[in-house]
């Protein structure tokens, strides 16, 4: 043990290392991609709807001089009207991102704009539409079943056939 020499204390205190500052570039591409391999995704589908309202996309033909938006947003419920363009606050409440909205605050898909109306009014509108369709069908059925000699429509019985 005599030939062991004492090792001098050469251990240095560790230097305080400051981490390098790296600036991470934020992602500029923010589009949420849907991989639609079979072409079956409906671009007009709304994932979250308020159950108190009915929704539909209205064709916006104002640039070409059309009147579709004016008619559909008019107050004549049974004459194609009664729809209101969805305001920004309603759209944000449905979970639609602000980046998807136009500068006016509407949701557009192609040349259409999302509109809504209270479910109660929509049901009334559909009931009226069905009633009008049924009246036409009922009139045709009456003529076919009972015959109408004024229009040359006679039943087998009226023609004397068995």
Protein backbone atom coordinates (compact mmCIF):
# COMPACT_ATOMS: atom_id res chain seq x y z
CA UNK A 1 0.00 0.00 0.00
CA UNK A 2 2.94 2.12 0.27
CA UNK A 3 3.34 2.54 -3.43
CA UNK A 4 -0.13 3.97 -3.79
CA UNK A 5 -0.05 7.60 -4.44
CA UNK A 6 -2.71 9.91 -3.55
CA UNK A 7 -4.75 11.04 -6.53
CA UNK A 8 -5.22 14.72 -6.58
CA UNK A 9 -8.79 15.99 -6.42
CA UNK A 10 -9.34 16.82 -10.06
CA UNK A 11 -13.06 16.43 -10.14
CA UNK A 12 -14.57 19.67 -11.25
CA UNK A 13 -17.97 20.84 -10.34
CA UNK A 14 -20.38 20.31 -13.25
CA UNK A 15 -21.07 23.42 -15.26
CA UNK A 16 -24.63 24.52 -15.36
CA UNK A 17 -25.89 23.72 -18.84
CA UNK A 18 -28.53 25.95 -20.30
CA UNK A 19 -30.72 24.22 -22.87
CA UNK A 20 -30.56 25.53 -26.38
CA UNK A 21 -33.63 27.42 -27.36
CA UNK A 22 -35.19 25.90 -30.41
CA UNK A 23 -38.03 27.61 -32.11
CA UNK A 24 -40.50 25.05 -33.30
CA UNK A 25 -42.36 26.13 -36.35
CA UNK A 26 -46.09 25.98 -35.83
CA UNK A 27 -47.98 23.87 -38.26
CA UNK A 28 -49.29 26.06 -41.05
CA UNK A 29 -51.40 23.36 -42.71
CA UNK A 30 -54.52 23.18 -40.57
CA UNK A 31 -57.03 21.37 -42.79
CA UNK A 32 -58.63 18.36 -41.17
CA UNK A 33 -58.38 15.61 -43.75
CA UNK A 34 -61.09 13.01 -44.27
CA UNK A 35 -59.83 10.03 -46.21
CA UNK A 36 -62.82 9.32 -48.39
CA UNK A 37 -61.61 6.24 -50.22
CA UNK A 38 -65.01 5.27 -51.61
CA UNK A 39 -66.53 8.69 -52.31
CA UNK A 40 -69.40 8.14 -49.88
CA UNK A 41 -68.84 11.06 -47.50
CA UNK A 42 -71.66 13.60 -47.71
CA UNK A 43 -70.18 17.12 -47.65
CA UNK A 44 -73.53 18.43 -46.43
CA UNK A 45 -73.69 16.14 -43.39
CA UNK A 46 -73.79 17.93 -40.03
CA UNK A 47 -72.32 15.89 -37.21
CA UNK A 48 -74.07 17.79 -34.44
CA UNK A 49 -77.53 19.29 -34.81
CA UNK A 50 -79.79 21.06 -32.36
CA UNK A 51 -82.85 18.75 -32.06
CA UNK A 52 -85.17 21.78 -31.86
CA UNK A 53 -84.32 22.86 -35.41
CA UNK A 54 -84.43 21.48 -38.95
CA UNK A 55 -81.47 22.25 -41.22
CA UNK A 56 -80.90 22.43 -44.95
CA UNK A 57 -78.47 23.96 -47.38
CA UNK A 58 -79.95 26.59 -49.69
CA UNK A 59 -78.58 27.19 -53.18
CA UNK A 60 -77.19 30.71 -53.40
CA UNK A 61 -77.82 31.97 -56.91
CA UNK A 62 -77.80 35.69 -56.13
CA UNK A 63 -74.66 36.30 -58.20
CA UNK A 64 -76.46 35.06 -61.31
CA UNK A 65 -79.57 37.14 -60.60
CA UNK A 66 -81.57 34.25 -59.11
CA UNK A 67 -84.11 34.62 -56.35
CA UNK A 68 -83.78 31.28 -54.53
CA UNK A 69 -82.38 32.72 -51.28
CA UNK A 70 -85.03 35.48 -51.25
CA UNK A 71 -87.85 32.95 -51.72
CA UNK A 72 -86.54 30.40 -49.21
CA UNK A 73 -85.85 33.01 -46.51
CA UNK A 74 -89.20 34.72 -47.09
CA UNK A 75 -92.04 34.54 -44.57
CA UNK A 76 -94.43 32.46 -46.73
CA UNK A 77 -94.09 29.11 -44.96
CA UNK A 78 -96.16 27.05 -47.38
CA UNK A 79 -94.66 28.70 -50.45
CA UNK A 80 -91.05 27.47 -50.03
CA UNK A 81 -90.22 30.04 -47.31
CA UNK A 82 -89.60 30.05 -43.59
CA UNK A 83 -85.85 29.35 -43.58
CA UNK A 84 -83.29 31.57 -41.87
CA UNK A 85 -79.58 31.61 -42.63
CA UNK A 86 -77.71 30.18 -39.63
CA UNK A 87 -75.97 32.97 -37.72
CA UNK A 88 -72.40 32.61 -36.50
CA UNK A 89 -73.39 32.12 -32.85
CA UNK A 90 -75.67 29.20 -33.74
CA UNK A 91 -73.01 27.59 -35.94
CA UNK A 92 -70.35 27.86 -33.23
CA UNK A 93 -72.82 26.27 -30.81
CA UNK A 94 -73.09 23.31 -33.19
CA UNK A 95 -69.34 22.80 -32.92
CA UNK A 96 -68.50 24.19 -36.34
CA UNK A 97 -65.08 25.80 -36.32
CA UNK A 98 -64.81 29.49 -36.95
CA UNK A 99 -62.25 28.79 -39.66
CA UNK A 100 -64.99 27.04 -41.69
CA UNK A 101 -67.22 30.13 -41.68
CA UNK A 102 -67.25 32.88 -44.27
CA UNK A 103 -66.38 36.47 -43.42
CA UNK A 104 -70.13 37.11 -43.08
CA UNK A 105 -70.32 34.32 -40.49
CA UNK A 106 -72.22 31.76 -42.59
CA UNK A 107 -71.40 28.13 -43.37
CA UNK A 108 -71.03 27.59 -47.10
CA UNK A 109 -70.57 24.35 -49.00
CA UNK A 110 -69.94 25.09 -52.66
CA UNK A 111 -72.68 27.45 -53.81
CA UNK A 112 -74.97 26.69 -50.86
CA UNK A 113 -75.49 28.26 -47.42
CA UNK A 114 -76.72 26.50 -44.28
CA UNK A 115 -80.18 27.57 -43.08
CA UNK A 116 -82.45 26.44 -40.27
CA UNK A 117 -86.01 26.72 -38.95
CA UNK A 118 -87.76 25.59 -35.76
CA UNK A 119 -88.68 21.89 -35.90
CA UNK A 120 -92.34 22.68 -35.13
CA UNK A 121 -92.65 24.92 -38.21
CA UNK A 122 -90.79 22.40 -40.35
CA UNK A 123 -93.16 19.60 -39.31
CA UNK A 124 -96.14 21.84 -40.10
CA UNK A 125 -94.64 22.64 -43.50
CA UNK A 126 -94.08 18.94 -44.27
CA UNK A 127 -97.61 18.04 -43.15
CA UNK A 128 -99.07 20.66 -45.50
CA UNK A 129 -96.91 19.46 -48.37
CA UNK A 130 -98.05 15.86 -47.78
CA UNK A 131 -101.70 16.96 -47.60
CA UNK A 132 -101.46 18.71 -50.99
CA UNK A 133 -99.78 15.64 -52.52
CA UNK A 134 -102.44 13.32 -51.06
CA UNK A 135 -105.29 15.48 -52.42
CA UNK A 136 -103.92 15.11 -55.94
CA UNK A 137 -103.48 11.35 -55.59
CA UNK A 138 -106.94 10.96 -54.05
CA UNK A 139 -108.53 12.80 -57.00
CA UNK A 140 -106.77 10.50 -59.46
CA UNK A 141 -107.83 7.41 -57.46
CA UNK A 142 -111.47 8.58 -57.43
CA UNK A 143 -111.44 9.00 -61.19
CA UNK A 144 -109.80 5.64 -61.81
CA UNK A 145 -112.04 3.74 -59.37
CA UNK A 146 -115.34 5.49 -60.11
CA UNK A 147 -114.74 6.60 -63.67
CA UNK A 148 -115.21 10.03 -65.16
CA UNK A 149 -117.24 10.06 -68.36
CA UNK A 150 -116.41 13.74 -68.95
CA UNK A 151 -112.78 12.81 -69.47
CA UNK A 152 -113.42 9.52 -71.25
CA UNK A 153 -112.41 7.50 -68.23
CA UNK A 154 -114.87 4.67 -67.70
CA UNK A 155 -114.70 1.70 -65.39
CA UNK A 156 -115.17 -1.89 -66.61
CA UNK A 157 -118.65 -1.83 -65.06
CA UNK A 158 -119.60 1.35 -66.97
CA UNK A 159 -118.32 -0.21 -70.17
CA UNK A 160 -120.41 -3.30 -69.49
CA UNK A 161 -117.42 -5.56 -69.01
CA UNK A 162 -117.20 -8.24 -66.35
